[in-house]
């Protein structure tokens, strides 16, 4: 069941729980989901973003609780960042199609494989000024290894263009940037030197491996590398954080704006959208008082775990 939820400017806390709840293994920090042998602690966390401040935000979600092929996906649709929304949509559809065709649970329709569920959730990294950053975290236990992976998506409102994670780094500085990453990865337990060289030397492999980057609250750049990209799958994922002083000279003009808006966010996000949807207004208000006598009438009790929220609560009550 696919839904497009329009998020109003005043968003209640319950509505925000979905993204966090759908990130297996997390504990409020994006780094917790990818803590694996060989990874290092991040000295400064990635700054959180309040989605209620994003005008016209819609959450595109799709899910199935059918035990024969369970999944739950979500990604944001932000006015003005249509190209980025398309990129996220294509990724989600591709992973869902792969899960449906490749999972034994979905193929035989018997279910019964406990915990085999595709889950794709989202997290805002920055939504300020003319830049937008989103991380999609994927949990797919039907494949090999832990099934954990993540990709960051970036939008440049000034240029009106979608950017990949490597777009944060200037093309002329990528050699130095890659060299610094290799220096910090070489020698770590589980890292395979040949695999590291092959991944970083091939443009396609490099782009695929370095697809999860975000700035920390103090301006450093956190680079997360998924399980198996530079090592044997059993070695887990790796995280490298370059300090602000180290990474700033290598950033692209866009990367410097993202860094600045992460460290010192503006009060609003403006991507040049020509139209911003009006937040939905509840059509029904419940007083909380109910004089129904269930001793005389047949009653059905409903629980709504992800609220109260607008407009879902009002829709359900109506």
Protein backbone atom coordinates (compact mmCIF):
# COMPACT_ATOMS: atom_id res chain seq x y z
CA UNK A 1 0.00 0.00 0.00
CA UNK A 2 1.72 3.16 -1.23
CA UNK A 3 0.87 6.45 0.44
CA UNK A 4 1.92 10.06 -0.01
CA UNK A 5 1.76 11.76 3.37
CA UNK A 6 1.79 15.55 3.40
CA UNK A 7 3.70 16.66 6.47
CA UNK A 8 2.33 19.90 8.00
CA UNK A 9 4.48 22.63 9.47
CA UNK A 10 3.50 21.55 12.99
CA UNK A 11 4.42 17.88 13.07
CA UNK A 12 3.81 15.90 16.25
CA UNK A 13 6.51 13.69 17.66
CA UNK A 14 4.60 10.48 17.04
CA UNK A 15 4.67 11.01 13.31
CA UNK A 16 8.45 11.20 13.39
CA UNK A 17 8.87 7.78 14.95
CA UNK A 18 8.42 5.88 11.70
CA UNK A 19 11.83 6.68 10.25
CA UNK A 20 13.70 5.81 13.42
CA UNK A 21 11.65 2.69 14.04
CA UNK A 22 12.37 1.42 10.55
CA UNK A 23 16.13 1.63 10.93
CA UNK A 24 17.17 -1.78 12.28
CA UNK A 25 19.93 -1.69 14.82
CA UNK A 26 19.97 2.06 15.24
CA UNK A 27 19.97 3.89 18.52
CA UNK A 28 19.26 7.42 17.43
CA UNK A 29 22.51 7.87 15.55
CA UNK A 30 23.14 6.92 11.93
CA UNK A 31 26.52 5.56 12.95
CA UNK A 32 24.95 3.02 15.29
CA UNK A 33 23.34 1.21 12.39
CA UNK A 34 26.71 0.63 10.74
CA UNK A 35 28.95 -0.06 13.72
CA UNK A 36 30.92 -3.11 12.63
CA UNK A 37 34.33 -4.61 13.32
CA UNK A 38 36.98 -2.30 11.92
CA UNK A 39 34.89 0.84 12.19
CA UNK A 40 36.00 3.78 14.30
CA UNK A 41 33.98 6.07 16.55
CA UNK A 42 32.81 9.31 15.00
CA UNK A 43 34.16 12.25 17.04
CA UNK A 44 31.20 14.48 16.22
CA UNK A 45 27.66 13.37 15.39
CA UNK A 46 25.77 14.30 12.26
CA UNK A 47 23.43 17.17 13.10
CA UNK A 48 19.74 16.25 13.23
CA UNK A 49 17.13 18.02 11.10
CA UNK A 50 13.55 18.80 12.10
CA UNK A 51 11.40 17.66 9.13
CA UNK A 52 8.48 19.83 10.30
CA UNK A 53 10.40 22.90 9.09
CA UNK A 54 10.42 21.68 5.48
CA UNK A 55 7.45 23.34 3.80
CA UNK A 56 5.37 21.09 1.56
CA UNK A 57 7.26 17.94 2.55
CA UNK A 58 5.61 14.69 1.51
CA UNK A 59 6.68 11.25 2.69
CA UNK A 60 6.24 8.58 0.04
CA UNK A 61 5.78 5.25 1.79
CA UNK A 62 4.92 1.77 0.64
CA UNK A 63 4.52 -1.38 2.69
CA UNK A 64 3.14 -4.88 2.79
CA UNK A 65 2.56 -6.91 5.94
CA UNK A 66 1.89 -10.02 3.90
CA UNK A 67 4.13 -12.68 5.46
CA UNK A 68 4.84 -14.10 2.02
CA UNK A 69 6.80 -10.96 1.04
CA UNK A 70 6.93 -8.26 3.76
CA UNK A 71 8.50 -4.88 3.11
CA UNK A 72 8.33 -1.24 4.23
CA UNK A 73 9.88 1.67 2.37
CA UNK A 74 9.84 5.45 2.69
CA UNK A 75 11.55 8.41 1.10
CA UNK A 76 10.86 12.17 1.13
CA UNK A 77 9.47 14.30 -1.70
CA UNK A 78 10.57 17.92 -1.15
CA UNK A 79 9.21 20.72 -3.38
CA UNK A 80 11.96 21.99 -5.68
CA UNK A 81 14.13 18.85 -5.43
CA UNK A 82 12.26 16.76 -8.00
CA UNK A 83 15.43 15.36 -9.61
CA UNK A 84 16.62 14.03 -6.28
CA UNK A 85 13.19 12.57 -5.54
CA UNK A 86 13.32 10.71 -8.86
CA UNK A 87 16.75 9.27 -7.98
CA UNK A 88 15.49 8.02 -4.60
CA UNK A 89 12.31 6.64 -6.17
CA UNK A 90 14.32 4.70 -8.74
CA UNK A 91 16.57 3.27 -6.04
CA UNK A 92 13.65 2.15 -3.87
CA UNK A 93 11.82 0.59 -6.83
CA UNK A 94 14.97 -1.21 -7.95
CA UNK A 95 15.64 -2.65 -4.48
CA UNK A 96 12.02 -3.67 -4.06
CA UNK A 97 11.98 -5.41 -7.45
CA UNK A 98 15.21 -7.22 -6.58
CA UNK A 99 13.82 -8.29 -3.20
CA UNK A 100 10.61 -9.59 -4.75
CA UNK A 101 12.41 -11.55 -7.45
CA UNK A 102 15.41 -12.73 -5.48
CA UNK A 103 14.03 -13.51 -2.03
CA UNK A 104 13.08 -17.11 -1.40
CA UNK A 105 10.36 -15.82 0.88
CA UNK A 106 8.70 -13.96 -1.98
CA UNK A 107 9.35 -16.64 -4.60
CA UNK A 108 7.68 -19.59 -2.91
CA UNK A 109 5.06 -17.54 -1.06
CA UNK A 110 5.36 -19.68 2.06
CA UNK A 111 6.80 -17.06 4.38
CA UNK A 112 8.08 -18.57 7.59
CA UNK A 113 11.56 -17.05 7.36
CA UNK A 114 11.62 -14.99 10.51
CA UNK A 115 13.05 -11.49 10.06
CA UNK A 116 13.26 -11.59 6.25
CA UNK A 117 11.80 -8.18 5.49
CA UNK A 118 13.04 -5.42 3.21
CA UNK A 119 13.17 -2.09 4.98
CA UNK A 120 14.21 1.24 3.49
CA UNK A 121 14.00 4.29 5.76
CA UNK A 122 15.17 7.88 5.42
CA UNK A 123 16.95 10.51 7.48
CA UNK A 124 17.47 14.19 6.70
CA UNK A 125 21.11 15.26 6.93
CA UNK A 126 20.68 18.94 6.11
CA UNK A 127 17.72 20.99 4.89
CA UNK A 128 18.89 24.56 5.00
CA UNK A 129 19.47 27.49 2.67
CA UNK A 130 19.69 26.08 -0.84
CA UNK A 131 20.96 22.58 0.00
CA UNK A 132 19.20 19.36 0.90
CA UNK A 133 20.71 16.06 2.00
CA UNK A 134 18.98 12.75 2.69
CA UNK A 135 20.29 9.32 3.68
CA UNK A 136 18.38 6.21 2.67
CA UNK A 137 19.20 3.25 4.94
CA UNK A 138 18.44 -0.21 3.62
CA UNK A 139 18.03 -3.41 5.57
CA UNK A 140 17.68 -6.50 3.36
CA UNK A 141 18.46 -9.71 5.25
CA UNK A 142 17.57 -11.85 2.22
CA UNK A 143 21.06 -11.31 0.81
CA UNK A 144 24.53 -12.15 2.04
CA UNK A 145 26.07 -10.54 5.09
CA UNK A 146 24.24 -8.20 7.41
CA UNK A 147 22.06 -6.74 4.66
CA UNK A 148 22.79 -3.19 5.89
CA UNK A 149 23.66 -0.43 3.43
CA UNK A 150 23.15 3.31 3.04
CA UNK A 151 23.26 5.95 0.33
CA UNK A 152 23.20 9.73 0.64
CA UNK A 153 21.40 11.96 -1.85
CA UNK A 154 22.14 15.66 -2.31
CA UNK A 155 20.35 18.53 -4.01
CA UNK A 156 21.89 21.84 -5.07
CA UNK A 157 19.11 24.41 -5.12
CA UNK A 158 21.39 27.12 -6.54
CA UNK A 159 22.20 25.02 -9.63
CA UNK A 160 18.87 23.19 -9.64
CA UNK A 161 20.72 19.87 -9.82
CA UNK A 162 20.87 16.51 -8.04
CA UNK A 163 24.33 15.59 -6.72
CA UNK A 164 25.85 12.31 -5.63
CA UNK A 165 27.98 12.02 -2.50
CA UNK A 166 31.20 12.46 -4.48
CA UNK A 167 29.81 15.78 -5.70
CA UNK A 168 30.79 17.18 -2.30
CA UNK A 169 34.44 16.89 -3.35
CA UNK A 170 35.97 18.98 -6.15
CA UNK A 171 37.05 16.90 -9.13
CA UNK A 172 40.58 18.31 -9.03
CA UNK A 173 40.95 17.30 -5.39
CA UNK A 174 39.61 13.77 -5.56
CA UNK A 175 43.08 12.24 -5.85
CA UNK A 176 44.15 13.79 -2.55
CA UNK A 177 40.79 12.94 -0.98
CA UNK A 178 41.03 9.28 -2.03
CA UNK A 179 44.62 9.13 -0.84
CA UNK A 180 43.59 10.34 2.61
CA UNK A 181 40.81 7.75 2.80
CA UNK A 182 43.18 4.96 1.78
CA UNK A 183 45.74 6.04 4.37
CA UNK A 184 43.09 5.74 7.09
CA UNK A 185 41.74 2.42 5.84
CA UNK A 186 44.98 0.57 5.12
CA UNK A 187 46.04 -1.60 8.00
CA UNK A 188 42.62 -1.80 9.59
CA UNK A 189 41.57 -5.26 10.57
CA UNK A 190 39.62 -6.86 7.71
CA UNK A 191 40.56 -4.38 4.97
CA UNK A 192 41.95 -6.12 1.91
CA UNK A 193 44.65 -4.03 0.21
CA UNK A 194 43.96 -5.41 -3.27
CA UNK A 195 40.22 -4.91 -2.92
CA UNK A 196 40.79 -1.36 -1.67
CA UNK A 197 43.01 -0.52 -4.65
CA UNK A 198 40.59 -2.05 -7.15
CA UNK A 199 37.58 -0.28 -5.68
CA UNK A 200 39.21 3.15 -5.57
CA UNK A 201 40.85 2.89 -9.01
CA UNK A 202 37.69 2.01 -10.95
CA UNK A 203 35.32 5.01 -11.37
CA UNK A 204 32.11 2.97 -11.15
CA UNK A 205 33.26 0.94 -8.15
CA UNK A 206 34.55 4.08 -6.46
CA UNK A 207 31.24 5.91 -6.92
CA UNK A 208 29.32 2.89 -5.61
CA UNK A 209 31.54 2.49 -2.54
CA UNK A 210 31.73 6.20 -1.67
CA UNK A 211 28.01 6.87 -1.84
CA UNK A 212 27.44 7.64 1.85
CA UNK A 213 29.00 10.92 2.99
CA UNK A 214 27.73 13.54 5.40
CA UNK A 215 29.17 16.41 7.39
CA UNK A 216 29.38 16.23 11.13
CA UNK A 217 28.16 19.04 13.38
CA UNK A 218 31.69 20.48 13.59
CA UNK A 219 32.28 20.45 9.82
CA UNK A 220 34.18 17.21 9.42
CA UNK A 221 33.24 14.78 6.65
CA UNK A 222 32.03 11.32 7.64
CA UNK A 223 32.52 8.66 4.95
CA UNK A 224 30.81 5.29 5.50
CA UNK A 225 31.77 2.30 3.37
CA UNK A 226 29.35 -0.60 3.22
CA UNK A 227 30.19 -4.17 4.10
CA UNK A 228 32.21 -5.95 1.43
CA UNK A 229 33.21 -2.88 -0.59
CA UNK A 230 36.88 -2.88 0.49
CA UNK A 231 37.03 -6.14 2.43
CA UNK A 232 35.57 -9.58 2.81
CA UNK A 233 31.88 -9.36 3.82
CA UNK A 234 32.64 -10.81 7.23
CA UNK A 235 34.86 -7.83 8.06
CA UNK A 236 31.87 -5.52 8.22
CA UNK A 237 31.50 -1.85 7.31
CA UNK A 238 34.01 0.94 7.85
CA UNK A 239 33.73 4.61 8.75
CA UNK A 240 36.34 7.31 8.19
CA UNK A 241 35.90 10.87 9.47
CA UNK A 242 38.10 13.60 8.04
CA UNK A 243 38.40 16.74 10.15
CA UNK A 244 37.13 20.09 8.92
CA UNK A 245 40.68 21.38 8.59
CA UNK A 246 41.69 18.39 6.48
CA UNK A 247 38.71 18.14 4.16
CA UNK A 248 37.71 21.78 3.54
CA UNK A 249 40.43 22.50 0.91
CA UNK A 250 39.19 19.52 -1.12
CA UNK A 251 35.50 20.41 -1.16
CA UNK A 252 33.61 21.58 -4.23
CA UNK A 253 31.74 24.88 -4.09
CA UNK A 254 28.61 22.88 -3.42
CA UNK A 255 30.35 20.84 -0.75
CA UNK A 256 31.43 24.01 1.05
CA UNK A 257 27.85 25.28 1.06
CA UNK A 258 26.63 21.96 2.46
CA UNK A 259 29.33 22.09 5.12
CA UNK A 260 28.40 25.65 6.07
CA UNK A 261 24.67 24.92 6.20
CA UNK A 262 25.32 21.82 8.33
CA UNK A 263 27.48 23.63 10.88
CA UNK A 264 25.37 26.82 10.94
CA UNK A 265 21.92 26.05 9.50
CA UNK A 266 19.73 28.78 8.05
CA UNK A 267 16.23 29.17 9.41
CA UNK A 268 14.58 27.96 6.22
CA UNK A 269 15.05 25.83 3.11
CA UNK A 270 14.58 27.43 -0.30
CA UNK A 271 15.15 25.26 -3.36
CA UNK A 272 13.32 27.56 -5.73
CA UNK A 273 10.09 25.57 -5.80
CA UNK A 274 7.37 27.31 -7.83
CA UNK A 275 4.60 25.70 -5.81
CA UNK A 276 4.51 24.41 -2.24
CA UNK A 277 1.49 22.27 -1.24
CA UNK A 278 -0.66 23.56 1.59
CA UNK A 279 -0.54 21.38 4.72
CA UNK A 280 -3.61 19.24 5.17
CA UNK A 281 -6.13 20.31 7.82
CA UNK A 282 -7.94 17.67 9.90
CA UNK A 283 -11.58 17.22 8.93
CA UNK A 284 -12.54 15.54 12.20
CA UNK A 285 -11.61 16.31 15.77
CA UNK A 286 -12.06 13.80 18.56
CA UNK A 287 -12.80 15.10 22.04
CA UNK A 288 -11.43 12.02 23.73
CA UNK A 289 -14.79 11.39 25.43
CA UNK A 290 -16.66 8.25 24.41
CA UNK A 291 -19.98 7.22 25.96
CA UNK A 292 -20.35 4.02 23.92
CA UNK A 293 -21.59 1.14 26.08
CA UNK A 294 -19.73 -1.92 24.82
CA UNK A 295 -21.87 -4.14 27.06
CA UNK A 296 -24.80 -3.42 24.76
CA UNK A 297 -23.04 -2.86 21.44
CA UNK A 298 -20.43 -4.75 19.50
CA UNK A 299 -17.21 -2.78 19.82
CA UNK A 300 -13.96 -2.90 17.92
CA UNK A 301 -10.85 -1.41 19.50
CA UNK A 302 -8.27 0.08 17.13
CA UNK A 303 -4.72 1.03 18.04
CA UNK A 304 -2.74 3.52 15.99
CA UNK A 305 0.92 3.22 16.93
CA UNK A 306 2.37 6.00 14.79
CA UNK A 307 0.46 9.02 16.06
CA UNK A 308 -1.19 11.27 16.87
CA UNK A 309 -0.35 12.93 13.58
CA UNK A 310 -1.97 15.12 10.96
CA UNK A 311 -3.75 14.14 8.76
CA UNK A 312 -3.57 10.40 9.50
CA UNK A 313 -5.33 10.48 12.88
CA UNK A 314 -8.27 12.49 11.57
CA UNK A 315 -8.57 10.23 8.53
CA UNK A 316 -8.61 7.13 10.71
CA UNK A 317 -11.19 8.55 13.10
CA UNK A 318 -13.40 9.68 10.25
